[in-house]
Amino acid sequence: MPITNIHRRLGRWAEIFEGQFNWPAAPATSVRLSFPPWPVTTDPPNEAEIRKELQLLKRYKSPGPDDLPPALFKDGGDFLTKEFTTLLTNVWELKSVPTSWNESIVVPLF
């Protein structure tokens, strides 16, 4: 039989969802996991790291808001790697990312 009163209908939905989402807490078990130390550095990226990441770029992806294709960065060679190292070291040391780096292009596909 349908519930026509809005307050009774909302109350019924509350009952249904309370049963769905109020599960008893999981028992607390003491589990010790051990992982090897993960070497993390807080130094700015070096040329070798930047060169490695540039080579991982996919050549035929669309360019970003700067209209520069990934192939340009991938094929930029030592000159571009050194320039990127200088740029990223400055950003790292200043602890300030340029606001234009927050821009992206999103194309919805329907």
PDB file of N, CA and C in Angstrom:
ATOM      1  N   MET A   1       0.843  -1.167   0.000  1.00  0.00           N
ATOM      2  CA  MET A   1       0.000   0.000   0.000  1.00  0.00           C
ATOM      3  C   MET A   1       0.895   1.239   0.000  1.00  0.00           C
ATOM      4  N   PRO A   2       0.748   2.149  -0.954  1.00  0.00           N
ATOM      5  CA  PRO A   2       1.606   3.331  -1.043  1.00  0.00           C
ATOM      6  C   PRO A   2       1.394   4.277   0.139  1.00  0.00           C
ATOM      7  N   ILE A   3       2.490   4.905   0.540  1.00  0.00           N
ATOM      8  CA  ILE A   3       2.430   5.898   1.621  1.00  0.00           C
ATOM      9  C   ILE A   3       2.264   7.263   0.964  1.00  0.00           C
ATOM     10  N   THR A   4       1.166   7.921   1.245  1.00  0.00           N
ATOM     11  CA  THR A   4       0.887   9.210   0.600  1.00  0.00           C
ATOM     12  C   THR A   4       1.311  10.392   1.461  1.00  0.00           C
ATOM     13  N   ASN A   5       1.400  10.214   2.767  1.00  0.00           N
ATOM     14  CA  ASN A   5       1.797  11.305   3.656  1.00  0.00           C
ATOM     15  C   ASN A   5       3.311  11.492   3.543  1.00  0.00           C
ATOM     16  N   ILE A   6       3.738  12.724   3.248  1.00  0.00           N
ATOM     17  CA  ILE A   6       5.160  12.991   3.014  1.00  0.00           C
ATOM     18  C   ILE A   6       6.006  12.684   4.247  1.00  0.00           C
ATOM     19  N   HIS A   7       5.512  12.987   5.443  1.00  0.00           N
ATOM     20  CA  HIS A   7       6.291  12.734   6.660  1.00  0.00           C
ATOM     21  C   HIS A   7       6.447  11.233   6.917  1.00  0.00           C
ATOM     22  N   ARG A   8       5.404  10.474   6.673  1.00  0.00           N
ATOM     23  CA  ARG A   8       5.493   9.022   6.843  1.00  0.00           C
ATOM     24  C   ARG A   8       6.417   8.420   5.788  1.00  0.00           C
ATOM     25  N   ARG A   9       6.360   8.977   4.568  1.00  0.00           N
ATOM     26  CA  ARG A   9       7.222   8.483   3.486  1.00  0.00           C
ATOM     27  C   ARG A   9       8.699   8.731   3.837  1.00  0.00           C
ATOM     28  N   LEU A  10       9.010   9.950   4.306  1.00  0.00           N
ATOM     29  CA  LEU A  10      10.392  10.257   4.683  1.00  0.00           C
ATOM     30  C   LEU A  10      10.847   9.392   5.855  1.00  0.00           C
ATOM     31  N   GLY A  11       9.940   9.162   6.802  1.00  0.00           N
ATOM     32  CA  GLY A  11      10.271   8.299   7.932  1.00  0.00           C
ATOM     33  C   GLY A  11      10.580   6.884   7.490  1.00  0.00           C
ATOM     34  N   ARG A  12       9.815   6.393   6.530  1.00  0.00           N
ATOM     35  CA  ARG A  12      10.046   5.035   6.015  1.00  0.00           C
ATOM     36  C   ARG A  12      11.394   4.944   5.305  1.00  0.00           C
ATOM     37  N   TRP A  13      11.723   5.958   4.499  1.00  0.00           N
ATOM     38  CA  TRP A  13      13.027   5.965   3.830  1.00  0.00           C
ATOM     39  C   TRP A  13      14.149   5.988   4.867  1.00  0.00           C
ATOM     40  N   ALA A  14      13.964   6.762   5.932  1.00  0.00           N
ATOM     41  CA  ALA A  14      14.981   6.816   6.989  1.00  0.00           C
ATOM     42  C   ALA A  14      15.179   5.438   7.609  1.00  0.00           C
ATOM     43  N   GLU A  15      14.103   4.703   7.830  1.00  0.00           N
ATOM     44  CA  GLU A  15      14.205   3.350   8.388  1.00  0.00           C
ATOM     45  C   GLU A  15      14.982   2.430   7.447  1.00  0.00           C
ATOM     46  N   ILE A  16      14.654   2.514   6.175  1.00  0.00           N
ATOM     47  CA  ILE A  16      15.318   1.652   5.190  1.00  0.00           C
ATOM     48  C   ILE A  16      16.818   1.931   5.161  1.00  0.00           C
ATOM     49  N   PHE A  17      17.183   3.222   5.066  1.00  0.00           N
ATOM     50  CA  PHE A  17      18.601   3.557   4.960  1.00  0.00           C
ATOM     51  C   PHE A  17      19.347   3.326   6.271  1.00  0.00           C
ATOM     52  N   GLU A  18      18.664   3.444   7.390  1.00  0.00           N
ATOM     53  CA  GLU A  18      19.325   3.160   8.658  1.00  0.00           C
ATOM     54  C   GLU A  18      19.736   1.698   8.704  1.00  0.00           C
ATOM     55  N   GLY A  19      18.892   0.825   8.219  1.00  0.00           N
ATOM     56  CA  GLY A  19      19.234  -0.592   8.175  1.00  0.00           C
ATOM     57  C   GLY A  19      20.332  -0.891   7.170  1.00  0.00           C
ATOM     58  N   GLN A  20      20.404  -0.104   6.108  1.00  0.00           N
ATOM     59  CA  GLN A  20      21.401  -0.341   5.067  1.00  0.00           C
ATOM     60  C   GLN A  20      22.796   0.123   5.471  1.00  0.00           C
ATOM     61  N   PHE A  21      22.874   1.252   6.174  1.00  0.00           N
ATOM     62  CA  PHE A  21      24.177   1.879   6.398  1.00  0.00           C
ATOM     63  C   PHE A  21      24.667   1.848   7.837  1.00  0.00           C
ATOM     64  N   ASN A  22      23.903   1.357   8.761  1.00  0.00           N
ATOM     65  CA  ASN A  22      24.351   1.284  10.151  1.00  0.00           C
ATOM     66  C   ASN A  22      24.770  -0.139  10.487  1.00  0.00           C
ATOM     67  N   TRP A  23      25.971  -0.471  10.105  1.00  0.00           N
ATOM     68  CA  TRP A  23      26.526  -1.784  10.384  1.00  0.00           C
ATOM     69  C   TRP A  23      27.297  -1.723  11.690  1.00  0.00           C
ATOM     70  N   PRO A  24      27.397  -2.833  12.386  1.00  0.00           N
ATOM     71  CA  PRO A  24      28.206  -2.823  13.608  1.00  0.00           C
ATOM     72  C   PRO A  24      29.671  -2.587  13.254  1.00  0.00           C
ATOM     73  N   ALA A  25      30.378  -1.981  14.181  1.00  0.00           N
ATOM     74  CA  ALA A  25      31.791  -1.682  13.949  1.00  0.00           C
ATOM     75  C   ALA A  25      32.578  -2.976  13.790  1.00  0.00           C
ATOM     76  N   ALA A  26      33.574  -2.929  12.947  1.00  0.00           N
ATOM     77  CA  ALA A  26      34.441  -4.091  12.749  1.00  0.00           C
ATOM     78  C   ALA A  26      35.256  -4.320  14.019  1.00  0.00           C
ATOM     79  N   PRO A  27      35.513  -5.558  14.340  1.00  0.00           N
ATOM     80  CA  PRO A  27      36.304  -5.815  15.548  1.00  0.00           C
ATOM     81  C   PRO A  27      37.717  -5.269  15.381  1.00  0.00           C
ATOM     82  N   ALA A  28      38.205  -4.671  16.443  1.00  0.00           N
ATOM     83  CA  ALA A  28      39.557  -4.103  16.411  1.00  0.00           C
ATOM     84  C   ALA A  28      40.559  -5.233  16.589  1.00  0.00           C
ATOM     85  N   THR A  29      41.375  -5.420  15.596  1.00  0.00           N
ATOM     86  CA  THR A  29      42.414  -6.441  15.690  1.00  0.00           C
ATOM     87  C   THR A  29      43.758  -5.749  15.604  1.00  0.00           C
ATOM     88  N   SER A  30      44.678  -6.283  16.301  1.00  0.00           N
ATOM     89  CA  SER A  30      46.014  -5.710  16.298  1.00  0.00           C
ATOM     90  C   SER A  30      46.833  -6.414  15.219  1.00  0.00           C
ATOM     91  N   VAL A  31      47.103  -5.697  14.176  1.00  0.00           N
ATOM     92  CA  VAL A  31      47.888  -6.251  13.078  1.00  0.00           C
ATOM     93  C   VAL A  31      49.109  -5.365  12.891  1.00  0.00           C
ATOM     94  N   ARG A  32      50.242  -5.970  12.879  1.00  0.00           N
ATOM     95  CA  ARG A  32      51.467  -5.218  12.652  1.00  0.00           C
ATOM     96  C   ARG A  32      51.944  -5.511  11.239  1.00  0.00           C
ATOM     97  N   LEU A  33      52.018  -4.476  10.475  1.00  0.00           N
ATOM     98  CA  LEU A  33      52.542  -4.614   9.124  1.00  0.00           C
ATOM     99  C   LEU A  33      53.924  -3.988   9.094  1.00  0.00           C
ATOM    100  N   SER A  34      54.817  -4.651   8.436  1.00  0.00           N
ATOM    101  CA  SER A  34      56.150  -4.065   8.312  1.00  0.00           C
ATOM    102  C   SER A  34      56.466  -3.895   6.833  1.00  0.00           C
ATOM    103  N   PHE A  35      56.880  -2.718   6.526  1.00  0.00           N
ATOM    104  CA  PHE A  35      57.253  -2.384   5.162  1.00  0.00           C
ATOM    105  C   PHE A  35      58.689  -1.890   5.172  1.00  0.00           C
ATOM    106  N   PRO A  36      59.411  -2.178   4.115  1.00  0.00           N
ATOM    107  CA  PRO A  36      60.767  -1.637   4.051  1.00  0.00           C
ATOM    108  C   PRO A  36      60.696  -0.112   3.932  1.00  0.00           C
ATOM    109  N   PRO A  37      61.696   0.576   4.439  1.00  0.00           N
ATOM    110  CA  PRO A  37      61.679   2.039   4.331  1.00  0.00           C
ATOM    111  C   PRO A  37      61.627   2.467   2.867  1.00  0.00           C
ATOM    112  N   TRP A  38      60.857   3.493   2.626  1.00  0.00           N
ATOM    113  CA  TRP A  38      60.709   4.002   1.270  1.00  0.00           C
ATOM    114  C   TRP A  38      61.598   5.219   1.129  1.00  0.00           C
ATOM    115  N   PRO A  39      62.589   5.152   0.257  1.00  0.00           N
ATOM    116  CA  PRO A  39      63.521   6.278   0.148  1.00  0.00           C
ATOM    117  C   PRO A  39      62.851   7.485  -0.521  1.00  0.00           C
ATOM    118  N   VAL A  40      62.631   8.510   0.259  1.00  0.00           N
ATOM    119  CA  VAL A  40      62.020   9.730  -0.254  1.00  0.00           C
ATOM    120  C   VAL A  40      63.002  10.865  -0.045  1.00  0.00           C
ATOM    121  N   THR A  41      63.204  11.630  -1.067  1.00  0.00           N
ATOM    122  CA  THR A  41      64.104  12.769  -0.955  1.00  0.00           C
ATOM    123  C   THR A  41      63.299  14.060  -1.013  1.00  0.00           C
ATOM    124  N   THR A  42      63.776  15.046  -0.310  1.00  0.00           N
ATOM    125  CA  THR A  42      63.123  16.358  -0.368  1.00  0.00           C
ATOM    126  C   THR A  42      63.943  17.328  -1.204  1.00  0.00           C
ATOM    127  N   ASP A  43      64.912  16.785  -1.929  1.00  0.00           N
ATOM    128  CA  ASP A  43      65.724  17.616  -2.821  1.00  0.00           C
ATOM    129  C   ASP A  43      64.950  17.899  -4.101  1.00  0.00           C
ATOM    130  N   PRO A  44      65.265  19.011  -4.765  1.00  0.00           N
ATOM    131  CA  PRO A  44      64.607  19.272  -6.054  1.00  0.00           C
ATOM    132  C   PRO A  44      65.001  18.201  -7.071  1.00  0.00           C
ATOM    133  N   PRO A  45      64.175  17.996  -8.086  1.00  0.00           N
ATOM    134  CA  PRO A  45      64.505  16.973  -9.086  1.00  0.00           C
ATOM    135  C   PRO A  45      65.790  17.324  -9.832  1.00  0.00           C
ATOM    136  N   ASN A  46      66.563  16.291 -10.143  1.00  0.00           N
ATOM    137  CA  ASN A  46      67.806  16.525 -10.882  1.00  0.00           C
ATOM    138  C   ASN A  46      67.585  16.258 -12.374  1.00  0.00           C
ATOM    139  N   GLU A  47      68.610  16.514 -13.170  1.00  0.00           N
ATOM    140  CA  GLU A  47      68.489  16.368 -14.630  1.00  0.00           C
ATOM    141  C   GLU A  47      68.117  14.948 -15.042  1.00  0.00           C
ATOM    142  N   ALA A  48      68.691  13.957 -14.387  1.00  0.00           N
ATOM    143  CA  ALA A  48      68.397  12.564 -14.756  1.00  0.00           C
ATOM    144  C   ALA A  48      66.926  12.242 -14.515  1.00  0.00           C
ATOM    145  N   GLU A  49      66.375  12.709 -13.399  1.00  0.00           N
ATOM    146  CA  GLU A  49      64.962  12.457 -13.104  1.00  0.00           C
ATOM    147  C   GLU A  49      64.056  13.156 -14.113  1.00  0.00           C
ATOM    148  N   ILE A  50      64.406  14.382 -14.456  1.00  0.00           N
ATOM    149  CA  ILE A  50      63.589  15.139 -15.412  1.00  0.00           C
ATOM    150  C   ILE A  50      63.672  14.503 -16.793  1.00  0.00           C
ATOM    151  N   ARG A  51      64.867  14.096 -17.206  1.00  0.00           N
ATOM    152  CA  ARG A  51      65.035  13.437 -18.508  1.00  0.00           C
ATOM    153  C   ARG A  51      64.179  12.168 -18.571  1.00  0.00           C
ATOM    154  N   LYS A  52      64.194  11.397 -17.483  1.00  0.00           N
ATOM    155  CA  LYS A  52      63.414  10.159 -17.425  1.00  0.00           C
ATOM    156  C   LYS A  52      61.921  10.453 -17.578  1.00  0.00           C
ATOM    157  N   GLU A  53      61.417  11.450 -16.869  1.00  0.00           N
ATOM    158  CA  GLU A  53      59.988  11.786 -16.937  1.00  0.00           C
ATOM    159  C   GLU A  53      59.608  12.349 -18.302  1.00  0.00           C
ATOM    160  N   LEU A  54      60.491  13.134 -18.909  1.00  0.00           N
ATOM    161  CA  LEU A  54      60.198  13.666 -20.245  1.00  0.00           C
ATOM    162  C   LEU A  54      60.093  12.533 -21.267  1.00  0.00           C
ATOM    163  N   GLN A  55      60.911  11.511 -21.111  1.00  0.00           N
ATOM    164  CA  GLN A  55      60.854  10.388 -22.047  1.00  0.00           C
ATOM    165  C   GLN A  55      59.589   9.552 -21.872  1.00  0.00           C
ATOM    166  N   LEU A  56      58.953   9.641 -20.700  1.00  0.00           N
ATOM    167  CA  LEU A  56      57.714   8.898 -20.463  1.00  0.00           C
ATOM    168  C   LEU A  56      56.485   9.592 -21.050  1.00  0.00           C
ATOM    169  N   LEU A  57      56.642  10.847 -21.498  1.00  0.00           N
ATOM    170  CA  LEU A  57      55.505  11.554 -22.098  1.00  0.00           C
ATOM    171  C   LEU A  57      55.032  10.821 -23.347  1.00  0.00           C
ATOM    172  N   LYS A  58      53.748  10.863 -23.586  1.00  0.00           N
ATOM    173  CA  LYS A  58      53.189  10.261 -24.798  1.00  0.00           C
ATOM    174  C   LYS A  58      53.199  11.318 -25.896  1.00  0.00           C
ATOM    175  N   ARG A  59      53.907  11.016 -26.956  1.00  0.00           N
ATOM    176  CA  ARG A  59      54.191  11.968 -28.024  1.00  0.00           C
ATOM    177  C   ARG A  59      52.948  12.587 -28.662  1.00  0.00           C
ATOM    178  N   TYR A  60      51.914  11.830 -28.892  1.00  0.00           N
ATOM    179  CA  TYR A  60      50.785  12.330 -29.686  1.00  0.00           C
ATOM    180  C   TYR A  60      49.583  12.752 -28.851  1.00  0.00           C
ATOM    181  N   LYS A  61      49.791  13.068 -27.585  1.00  0.00           N
ATOM    182  CA  LYS A  61      48.701  13.593 -26.760  1.00  0.00           C
ATOM    183  C   LYS A  61      48.448  15.048 -27.146  1.00  0.00           C
ATOM    184  N   SER A  62      47.273  15.528 -26.809  1.00  0.00           N
ATOM    185  CA  SER A  62      46.920  16.916 -27.120  1.00  0.00           C
ATOM    186  C   SER A  62      47.765  17.875 -26.295  1.00  0.00           C
ATOM    187  N   PRO A  63      48.066  19.040 -26.862  1.00  0.00           N
ATOM    188  CA  PRO A  63      48.801  20.047 -26.091  1.00  0.00           C
ATOM    189  C   PRO A  63      47.922  20.633 -24.995  1.00  0.00           C
ATOM    190  N   GLY A  64      48.552  21.229 -24.021  1.00  0.00           N
ATOM    191  CA  GLY A  64      47.826  21.875 -22.928  1.00  0.00           C
ATOM    192  C   GLY A  64      47.469  23.307 -23.284  1.00  0.00           C
ATOM    193  N   PRO A  65      47.139  24.117 -22.272  1.00  0.00           N
ATOM    194  CA  PRO A  65      46.753  25.507 -22.517  1.00  0.00           C
ATOM    195  C   PRO A  65      47.859  26.331 -23.170  1.00  0.00           C
ATOM    196  N   ASP A  66      49.118  25.880 -23.063  1.00  0.00           N
ATOM    197  CA  ASP A  66      50.230  26.618 -23.674  1.00  0.00           C
ATOM    198  C   ASP A  66      50.394  26.301 -25.158  1.00  0.00           C
ATOM    199  N   ASP A  67      49.600  25.372 -25.681  1.00  0.00           N
ATOM    200  CA  ASP A  67      49.650  24.949 -27.083  1.00  0.00           C
ATOM    201  C   ASP A  67      50.971  24.279 -27.475  1.00  0.00           C
ATOM    202  N   LEU A  68      51.713  23.774 -26.517  1.00  0.00           N
ATOM    203  CA  LEU A  68      52.971  23.087 -26.810  1.00  0.00           C
ATOM    204  C   LEU A  68      52.737  21.580 -26.740  1.00  0.00           C
ATOM    205  N   PRO A  69      52.994  20.871 -27.830  1.00  0.00           N
ATOM    206  CA  PRO A  69      52.738  19.425 -27.846  1.00  0.00           C
ATOM    207  C   PRO A  69      53.776  18.665 -27.019  1.00  0.00           C
ATOM    208  N   PRO A  70      53.385  17.533 -26.453  1.00  0.00           N
ATOM    209  CA  PRO A  70      54.325  16.724 -25.674  1.00  0.00           C
ATOM    210  C   PRO A  70      55.560  16.300 -26.475  1.00  0.00           C
ATOM    211  N   ALA A  71      55.425  16.149 -27.784  1.00  0.00           N
ATOM    212  CA  ALA A  71      56.573  15.748 -28.606  1.00  0.00           C
ATOM    213  C   ALA A  71      57.701  16.774 -28.501  1.00  0.00           C
ATOM    214  N   LEU A  72      57.350  18.046 -28.357  1.00  0.00           N
ATOM    215  CA  LEU A  72      58.364  19.095 -28.217  1.00  0.00           C
ATOM    216  C   LEU A  72      59.208  18.842 -26.968  1.00  0.00           C
ATOM    217  N   PHE A  73      58.555  18.517 -25.866  1.00  0.00           N
ATOM    218  CA  PHE A  73      59.280  18.269 -24.620  1.00  0.00           C
ATOM    219  C   PHE A  73      60.057  16.964 -24.696  1.00  0.00           C
ATOM    220  N   LYS A  74      59.459  15.979 -25.327  1.00  0.00           N
ATOM    221  CA  LYS A  74      60.094  14.664 -25.429  1.00  0.00           C
ATOM    222  C   LYS A  74      61.363  14.727 -26.278  1.00  0.00           C
ATOM    223  N   ASP A  75      61.342  15.538 -27.327  1.00  0.00           N
ATOM    224  CA  ASP A  75      62.478  15.622 -28.248  1.00  0.00           C
ATOM    225  C   ASP A  75      63.363  16.832 -27.987  1.00  0.00           C
ATOM    226  N   GLY A  76      63.171  17.512 -26.866  1.00  0.00           N
ATOM    227  CA  GLY A  76      63.900  18.746 -26.576  1.00  0.00           C
ATOM    228  C   GLY A  76      65.373  18.568 -26.288  1.00  0.00           C
ATOM    229  N   GLY A  77      65.787  17.359 -25.988  1.00  0.00           N
ATOM    230  CA  GLY A  77      67.199  17.081 -25.766  1.00  0.00           C
ATOM    231  C   GLY A  77      67.747  17.678 -24.479  1.00  0.00           C
ATOM    232  N   ASP A  78      69.090  17.759 -24.434  1.00  0.00           N
ATOM    233  CA  ASP A  78      69.777  18.234 -23.230  1.00  0.00           C
ATOM    234  C   ASP A  78      69.455  19.686 -22.906  1.00  0.00           C
ATOM    235  N   PHE A  79      69.310  20.511 -23.939  1.00  0.00           N
ATOM    236  CA  PHE A  79      69.021  21.931 -23.689  1.00  0.00           C
ATOM    237  C   PHE A  79      67.728  22.083 -22.897  1.00  0.00           C
ATOM    238  N   LEU A  80      66.678  21.430 -23.370  1.00  0.00           N
ATOM    239  CA  LEU A  80      65.381  21.547 -22.706  1.00  0.00           C
ATOM    240  C   LEU A  80      65.415  20.908 -21.315  1.00  0.00           C
ATOM    241  N   THR A  81      66.134  19.811 -21.187  1.00  0.00           N
ATOM    242  CA  THR A  81      66.252  19.162 -19.879  1.00  0.00           C
ATOM    243  C   THR A  81      66.909  20.104 -18.877  1.00  0.00           C
ATOM    244  N   LYS A  82      67.975  20.788 -19.290  1.00  0.00           N
ATOM    245  CA  LYS A  82      68.658  21.734 -18.397  1.00  0.00           C
ATOM    246  C   LYS A  82      67.749  22.907 -18.048  1.00  0.00           C
ATOM    247  N   GLU A  83      67.006  23.409 -19.032  1.00  0.00           N
ATOM    248  CA  GLU A  83      66.088  24.526 -18.770  1.00  0.00           C
ATOM    249  C   GLU A  83      64.979  24.107 -17.805  1.00  0.00           C
ATOM    250  N   PHE A  84      64.447  22.910 -17.998  1.00  0.00           N
ATOM    251  CA  PHE A  84      63.421  22.405 -17.082  1.00  0.00           C
ATOM    252  C   PHE A  84      63.989  22.228 -15.676  1.00  0.00           C
ATOM    253  N   THR A  85      65.215  21.737 -15.590  1.00  0.00           N
ATOM    254  CA  THR A  85      65.841  21.550 -14.283  1.00  0.00           C
ATOM    255  C   THR A  85      65.964  22.885 -13.564  1.00  0.00           C
ATOM    256  N   THR A  86      66.409  23.910 -14.270  1.00  0.00           N
ATOM    257  CA  THR A  86      66.527  25.244 -13.678  1.00  0.00           C
ATOM    258  C   THR A  86      65.160  25.759 -13.240  1.00  0.00           C
ATOM    259  N   LEU A  87      64.176  25.639 -14.119  1.00  0.00           N
ATOM    260  CA  LEU A  87      62.825  26.117 -13.813  1.00  0.00           C
ATOM    261  C   LEU A  87      62.243  25.399 -12.596  1.00  0.00           C
ATOM    262  N   LEU A  88      62.301  24.078 -12.602  1.00  0.00           N
ATOM    263  CA  LEU A  88      61.708  23.313 -11.509  1.00  0.00           C
ATOM    264  C   LEU A  88      62.469  23.482 -10.198  1.00  0.00           C
ATOM    265  N   THR A  89      63.775  23.692 -10.270  1.00  0.00           N
ATOM    266  CA  THR A  89      64.548  23.971  -9.055  1.00  0.00           C
ATOM    267  C   THR A  89      64.108  25.298  -8.453  1.00  0.00           C
ATOM    268  N   ASN A  90      63.889  26.308  -9.302  1.00  0.00           N
ATOM    269  CA  ASN A  90      63.410  27.605  -8.801  1.00  0.00           C
ATOM    270  C   ASN A  90      62.036  27.469  -8.164  1.00  0.00           C
ATOM    271  N   VAL A  91      61.138  26.760  -8.820  1.00  0.00           N
ATOM    272  CA  VAL A  91      59.796  26.555  -8.273  1.00  0.00           C
ATOM    273  C   VAL A  91      59.896  25.810  -6.941  1.00  0.00           C
ATOM    274  N   TRP A  92      60.749  24.799  -6.889  1.00  0.00           N
ATOM    275  CA  TRP A  92      60.916  23.989  -5.681  1.00  0.00           C
ATOM    276  C   TRP A  92      61.425  24.848  -4.522  1.00  0.00           C
ATOM    277  N   GLU A  93      62.443  25.656  -4.792  1.00  0.00           N
ATOM    278  CA  GLU A  93      63.051  26.459  -3.729  1.00  0.00           C
ATOM    279  C   GLU A  93      62.151  27.605  -3.288  1.00  0.00           C
ATOM    280  N   LEU A  94      61.402  28.196  -4.218  1.00  0.00           N
ATOM    281  CA  LEU A  94      60.486  29.284  -3.862  1.00  0.00           C
ATOM    282  C   LEU A  94      59.207  28.765  -3.212  1.00  0.00           C
ATOM    283  N   LYS A  95      58.942  27.468  -3.377  1.00  0.00           N
ATOM    284  CA  LYS A  95      57.725  26.834  -2.842  1.00  0.00           C
ATOM    285  C   LYS A  95      56.473  27.550  -3.332  1.00  0.00           C
ATOM    286  N   SER A  96      56.508  27.928  -4.603  1.00  0.00           N
ATOM    287  CA  SER A  96      55.374  28.633  -5.200  1.00  0.00           C
ATOM    288  C   SER A  96      55.206  28.166  -6.646  1.00  0.00           C
ATOM    289  N   VAL A  97      54.078  27.540  -6.921  1.00  0.00           N
ATOM    290  CA  VAL A  97      53.793  27.046  -8.268  1.00  0.00           C
ATOM    291  C   VAL A  97      53.082  28.153  -9.047  1.00  0.00           C
ATOM    292  N   PRO A  98      53.528  28.453 -10.272  1.00  0.00           N
ATOM    293  CA  PRO A  98      52.840  29.478 -11.069  1.00  0.00           C
ATOM    294  C   PRO A  98      51.356  29.153 -11.232  1.00  0.00           C
ATOM    295  N   THR A  99      50.512  30.168 -11.132  1.00  0.00           N
ATOM    296  CA  THR A  99      49.062  29.941 -11.203  1.00  0.00           C
ATOM    297  C   THR A  99      48.645  29.378 -12.555  1.00  0.00           C
ATOM    298  N   SER A 100      49.365  29.706 -13.610  1.00  0.00           N
ATOM    299  CA  SER A 100      48.991  29.192 -14.934  1.00  0.00           C
ATOM    300  C   SER A 100      49.159  27.671 -15.018  1.00  0.00           C
ATOM    301  N   TRP A 101      49.923  27.077 -14.114  1.00  0.00           N
ATOM    302  CA  TRP A 101      50.095  25.628 -14.113  1.00  0.00           C
ATOM    303  C   TRP A 101      48.855  24.916 -13.597  1.00  0.00           C
ATOM    304  N   ASN A 102      47.915  25.655 -13.053  1.00  0.00           N
ATOM    305  CA  ASN A 102      46.676  25.055 -12.554  1.00  0.00           C
ATOM    306  C   ASN A 102      45.616  24.935 -13.640  1.00  0.00           C
ATOM    307  N   GLU A 103      45.875  25.484 -14.807  1.00  0.00           N
ATOM    308  CA  GLU A 103      44.894  25.451 -15.891  1.00  0.00           C
ATOM    309  C   GLU A 103      44.941  24.107 -16.604  1.00  0.00           C
ATOM    310  N   SER A 104      43.790  23.689 -17.078  1.00  0.00           N
ATOM    311  CA  SER A 104      43.725  22.472 -17.880  1.00  0.00           C
ATOM    312  C   SER A 104      42.547  22.592 -18.834  1.00  0.00           C
ATOM    313  N   ILE A 105      42.534  21.739 -19.808  1.00  0.00           N
ATOM    314  CA  ILE A 105      41.444  21.716 -20.778  1.00  0.00           C
ATOM    315  C   ILE A 105      40.707  20.396 -20.599  1.00  0.00           C
ATOM    316  N   VAL A 106      39.421  20.486 -20.360  1.00  0.00           N
ATOM    317  CA  VAL A 106      38.595  19.293 -20.207  1.00  0.00           C
ATOM    318  C   VAL A 106      37.568  19.291 -21.328  1.00  0.00           C
ATOM    319  N   VAL A 107      37.542  18.219 -22.088  1.00  0.00           N
ATOM    320  CA  VAL A 107      36.597  18.104 -23.196  1.00  0.00           C
ATOM    321  C   VAL A 107      35.625  16.978 -22.872  1.00  0.00           C
ATOM    322  N   PRO A 108      34.364  17.315 -22.593  1.00  0.00           N
ATOM    323  CA  PRO A 108      33.399  16.248 -22.302  1.00  0.00           C
ATOM    324  C   PRO A 108      33.063  15.462 -23.565  1.00  0.00           C
ATOM    325  N   LEU A 109      33.003  14.160 -23.438  1.00  0.00           N
ATOM    326  CA  LEU A 109      32.637  13.295 -24.557  1.00  0.00           C
ATOM    327  C   LEU A 109      31.275  12.689 -24.261  1.00  0.00           C
ATOM    328  N   PHE A 110      30.367  12.858 -25.169  1.00  0.00           N
ATOM    329  CA  PHE A 110      29.010  12.340 -24.978  1.00  0.00           C
ATOM    330  C   PHE A 110      28.749  11.192 -25.919  1.00  0.00           C
TER     331      PHE A 110
END
